[in-house]
Amino acid sequence: MDRQESNMEHDQALIEAALFLSPQPLTRQKLARIIGGTSLAYVERLLAQIEDEYRSATHGIELHVEDAKSMFQVKRAYIDDVAHLAPHQDISRPVLRSLAMIAYNHPLTQADLVKARGNKAYKHVQELLERGLIRAEDQGRTLLLYVTDEFLRYFGLSSVEEFRFHVGDLPAEPEEEKGEEREEREEREEKDAQDQEEPEDTKDSGEEASQEVDDG
């Protein structure tokens, strides 16, 4: 029995640990180096075994392989129940709208995004770049924006085409809304969302204070 056969369980566990910790999908070459420079055929054998084991209904995650890169992802049946535990839950609605427009038109220039979404799109792009959900390339005097593998991973997608399929036709911005009007509407939406989260006792205290002033 060679070294690979005798350490198969250890090597499989090591690959699972690597896939779990890596923020990006891993190539067979990378996995081969992680487990000690073994052959690609051996790595493929281990991946096939992992894929078969995690296909079981007793597991909530599965192995996803695309473009010869492997990653763990949550099974679709459980995404809605655990999505709130994922990162980026604090992204505001306006930023998500800009992200959706970038993904739908992938790639999209920053100039076109600003034209459609208003000047606040510059801040949206900066935030999305910092979160790793998009990347940018110089294109003349503007930037060409792409969604990243992190975007696909976060939303449980295999490709941008799958995003377009699920979204269908992206709703257009209202014709009458231009620049400041759109920004004012989005600010109102954010304020309304914050008001809905305000604790009841805080509201009650404000009402009591108002009553005391009236009584005085």
Protein backbone atom coordinates (compact mmCIF):
# COMPACT_ATOMS: atom_id res chain seq x y z
CA MET A 1 0.00 0.00 0.00
CA ASP A 2 1.57 3.34 -1.05
CA ARG A 3 1.69 6.57 0.90
CA GLN A 4 -1.44 7.92 -0.80
CA GLU A 5 -3.57 4.89 -0.02
CA SER A 6 -2.47 4.69 3.60
CA ASN A 7 -3.21 8.38 4.23
CA MET A 8 -6.39 8.68 2.19
CA GLU A 9 -8.65 9.47 5.16
CA HIS A 10 -6.21 12.09 6.43
CA ASP A 11 -5.83 13.68 3.00
CA GLN A 12 -9.59 13.80 2.47
CA ALA A 13 -10.08 15.46 5.85
CA LEU A 14 -7.34 17.98 4.98
CA ILE A 15 -9.03 18.85 1.69
CA GLU A 16 -12.35 19.31 3.48
CA ALA A 17 -10.68 21.65 5.99
CA ALA A 18 -9.07 23.65 3.17
CA LEU A 19 -12.35 24.00 1.30
CA PHE A 20 -14.12 25.07 4.47
CA LEU A 21 -11.61 27.79 5.36
CA SER A 22 -10.82 29.15 1.90
CA PRO A 23 -12.77 32.30 0.91
CA GLN A 24 -12.26 31.36 -2.76
CA PRO A 25 -12.75 28.12 -4.75
CA LEU A 26 -9.58 26.02 -4.91
CA THR A 27 -7.98 24.39 -7.95
CA ARG A 28 -6.86 20.77 -8.03
CA GLN A 29 -3.26 21.98 -8.23
CA LYS A 30 -3.69 24.04 -5.05
CA LEU A 31 -5.28 21.12 -3.21
CA ALA A 32 -2.50 18.80 -4.39
CA ARG A 33 0.08 21.13 -2.86
CA ILE A 34 -1.87 21.37 0.39
CA ILE A 35 -1.85 17.60 0.90
CA GLY A 36 1.81 17.21 0.01
CA GLY A 37 2.33 17.45 -3.72
CA THR A 38 0.29 14.44 -4.80
CA SER A 39 -1.01 13.71 -8.28
CA LEU A 40 -4.04 15.47 -9.72
CA ALA A 41 -5.67 12.11 -10.34
CA TYR A 42 -5.44 11.39 -6.62
CA VAL A 43 -6.99 14.78 -5.78
CA GLU A 44 -9.84 14.11 -8.22
CA ARG A 45 -10.42 10.77 -6.54
CA LEU A 46 -10.69 12.45 -3.14
CA LEU A 47 -12.98 15.18 -4.47
CA ALA A 48 -15.26 12.58 -6.03
CA GLN A 49 -15.48 10.82 -2.68
CA ILE A 50 -16.23 14.07 -0.85
CA GLU A 51 -18.89 14.99 -3.40
CA ASP A 52 -20.55 11.58 -2.99
CA GLU A 53 -20.52 11.74 0.81
CA TYR A 54 -21.94 15.27 1.02
CA ARG A 55 -24.67 14.45 -1.47
CA SER A 56 -26.39 12.64 1.41
CA ALA A 57 -29.51 14.27 2.88
CA THR A 58 -27.79 14.26 6.28
CA HIS A 59 -25.52 17.12 5.13
CA GLY A 60 -26.60 20.74 4.69
CA ILE A 61 -23.65 21.62 2.48
CA GLU A 62 -22.38 20.18 -0.78
CA LEU A 63 -19.29 20.22 -2.96
CA HIS A 64 -19.57 22.53 -5.95
CA VAL A 65 -17.08 22.29 -8.81
CA GLU A 66 -16.89 24.80 -11.65
CA ASP A 67 -14.06 25.58 -14.06
CA ALA A 68 -11.95 22.94 -12.30
CA LYS A 69 -12.27 24.83 -8.99
CA SER A 70 -13.91 23.35 -5.90
CA MET A 71 -15.79 24.90 -3.01
CA PHE A 72 -18.34 24.06 -0.32
CA GLN A 73 -21.72 25.75 -0.54
CA VAL A 74 -25.02 25.55 1.33
CA LYS A 75 -27.62 23.35 -0.34
CA ARG A 76 -30.45 25.33 -1.90
CA ALA A 77 -33.03 23.73 0.39
CA TYR A 78 -31.45 25.42 3.42
CA ILE A 79 -30.29 28.80 2.06
CA ASP A 80 -33.39 30.77 3.08
CA ASP A 81 -33.19 29.50 6.67
CA VAL A 82 -29.55 30.37 7.24
CA ALA A 83 -28.91 33.32 4.91
CA HIS A 84 -29.20 35.79 7.81
CA LEU A 85 -26.06 34.28 9.32
CA ALA A 86 -23.94 35.10 6.29
CA PRO A 87 -21.74 38.22 6.06
CA HIS A 88 -22.86 41.40 4.26
CA GLN A 89 -26.26 41.42 5.97
CA ASP A 90 -25.79 45.10 6.73
CA ILE A 91 -25.75 46.16 3.07
CA SER A 92 -28.32 48.89 2.53
CA ARG A 93 -31.07 48.57 -0.06
CA PRO A 94 -29.65 51.30 -2.34
CA VAL A 95 -26.25 49.56 -2.42
CA LEU A 96 -27.93 46.24 -3.20
CA ARG A 97 -29.75 47.88 -6.10
CA SER A 98 -26.45 49.10 -7.52
CA LEU A 99 -24.95 45.63 -7.04
CA ALA A 100 -27.89 44.04 -8.84
CA MET A 101 -27.46 46.43 -11.76
CA ILE A 102 -23.75 45.60 -12.01
CA ALA A 103 -24.47 41.87 -11.92
CA TYR A 104 -27.30 42.04 -14.43
CA ASN A 105 -25.26 44.04 -16.96
CA HIS A 106 -21.95 42.38 -16.06
CA PRO A 107 -19.64 44.02 -16.84
CA LEU A 108 -20.92 47.58 -16.42
CA THR A 109 -19.03 50.86 -16.51
CA GLN A 110 -19.10 53.06 -13.44
CA ALA A 111 -20.20 55.95 -15.68
CA ASP A 112 -23.31 54.04 -16.78
CA LEU A 113 -24.04 53.02 -13.20
CA VAL A 114 -23.85 56.63 -12.01
CA LYS A 115 -26.03 57.74 -14.92
CA ALA A 116 -28.70 55.23 -13.88
CA ARG A 117 -28.37 55.40 -10.10
CA GLY A 118 -27.16 58.93 -9.35
CA ASN A 119 -24.00 60.31 -7.76
CA LYS A 120 -24.32 58.12 -4.66
CA ALA A 121 -23.32 55.21 -6.89
CA TYR A 122 -19.70 56.31 -6.44
CA LYS A 123 -19.98 55.50 -2.72
CA HIS A 124 -21.82 52.27 -3.55
CA VAL A 125 -18.96 51.15 -5.80
CA GLN A 126 -16.39 51.92 -3.10
CA GLU A 127 -18.32 49.92 -0.51
CA LEU A 128 -18.81 46.96 -2.84
CA LEU A 129 -15.10 46.98 -3.72
CA GLU A 130 -14.19 46.95 -0.03
CA ARG A 131 -16.55 44.03 0.57
CA GLY A 132 -15.01 42.09 -2.31
CA LEU A 133 -18.33 41.68 -4.11
CA ILE A 134 -17.11 43.50 -7.23
CA ARG A 135 -13.78 44.28 -8.88
CA ALA A 136 -12.84 47.13 -11.19
CA GLU A 137 -10.61 47.65 -14.20
CA ASP A 138 -9.58 50.96 -15.69
CA GLN A 139 -11.38 51.79 -18.92
CA GLY A 140 -10.44 55.20 -20.21
CA ARG A 141 -11.72 57.84 -17.79
CA THR A 142 -14.06 55.46 -15.97
CA LEU A 143 -14.01 51.96 -14.43
CA LEU A 144 -15.36 48.69 -15.77
CA LEU A 145 -17.13 46.84 -12.97
CA TYR A 146 -17.39 43.07 -12.60
CA VAL A 147 -18.95 40.91 -9.90
CA THR A 148 -16.52 38.53 -8.18
CA ASP A 149 -16.48 34.88 -7.17
CA GLU A 150 -17.32 36.13 -3.66
CA PHE A 151 -20.56 37.59 -5.06
CA LEU A 152 -21.46 34.24 -6.64
CA ARG A 153 -20.53 32.36 -3.50
CA TYR A 154 -22.48 34.68 -1.20
CA PHE A 155 -25.67 34.44 -3.26
CA GLY A 156 -25.26 30.70 -3.95
CA LEU A 157 -24.89 31.15 -7.71
CA SER A 158 -22.77 29.23 -10.19
CA SER A 159 -22.59 32.03 -12.76
CA VAL A 160 -23.81 35.52 -13.63
CA GLU A 161 -26.12 33.91 -16.20
CA GLU A 162 -27.87 32.08 -13.37
CA PHE A 163 -28.44 35.42 -11.62
CA ARG A 164 -30.00 36.86 -14.78
CA PHE A 165 -32.21 33.79 -15.13
CA HIS A 166 -33.59 34.14 -11.60
CA VAL A 167 -34.00 37.91 -11.77
CA GLY A 168 -35.60 38.03 -15.21
CA ASP A 169 -35.96 41.57 -16.54
CA LEU A 170 -34.38 44.00 -14.12
CA PRO A 171 -36.92 46.75 -13.31
CA ALA A 172 -35.88 50.06 -14.82
CA GLU A 173 -35.46 53.16 -12.71
CA PRO A 174 -38.57 55.38 -12.86
CA GLU A 175 -38.30 57.77 -15.78
CA GLU A 176 -39.34 60.76 -13.73
CA GLU A 177 -36.75 60.12 -11.04
CA LYS A 178 -33.46 61.81 -11.76
CA GLY A 179 -30.41 62.40 -9.60
CA GLU A 180 -31.45 64.16 -6.39
CA GLU A 181 -35.01 62.83 -6.49
CA ARG A 182 -33.77 59.24 -6.47
CA GLU A 183 -31.28 59.96 -3.70
CA GLU A 184 -33.96 61.65 -1.58
CA ARG A 185 -36.30 58.68 -2.05
CA GLU A 186 -33.58 56.22 -1.00
CA GLU A 187 -32.73 58.33 2.05
CA ARG A 188 -36.40 58.25 3.05
CA GLU A 189 -36.44 54.48 2.64
CA GLU A 190 -33.38 54.10 4.86
CA LYS A 191 -34.90 56.40 7.49
CA ASP A 192 -38.19 54.48 7.42
CA ALA A 193 -36.30 51.22 7.91
CA GLN A 194 -34.46 52.71 10.91
CA ASP A 195 -37.72 54.01 12.41
CA GLN A 196 -39.25 50.55 12.17
CA GLU A 197 -36.32 49.16 14.17
CA GLU A 198 -36.65 51.82 16.93
CA PRO A 199 -37.48 50.18 20.29
CA GLU A 200 -41.04 50.62 21.48
CA ASP A 201 -39.95 51.97 24.90
CA THR A 202 -38.04 54.77 23.17
CA LYS A 203 -41.16 55.78 21.26
CA ASP A 204 -43.28 55.57 24.42
CA SER A 205 -40.83 57.80 26.30
CA GLY A 206 -41.12 60.41 23.58
CA GLU A 207 -44.89 60.31 23.74
CA GLU A 208 -44.87 60.64 27.55
CA ALA A 209 -42.54 63.61 27.37
CA SER A 210 -44.85 65.29 24.86
CA GLN A 211 -47.83 64.71 27.16
CA GLU A 212 -46.00 66.25 30.12
CA VAL A 213 -45.21 69.36 28.10
CA ASP A 214 -48.82 69.63 27.01
CA ASP A 215 -50.05 69.19 30.61
CA GLY A 216 -47.64 71.89 31.76
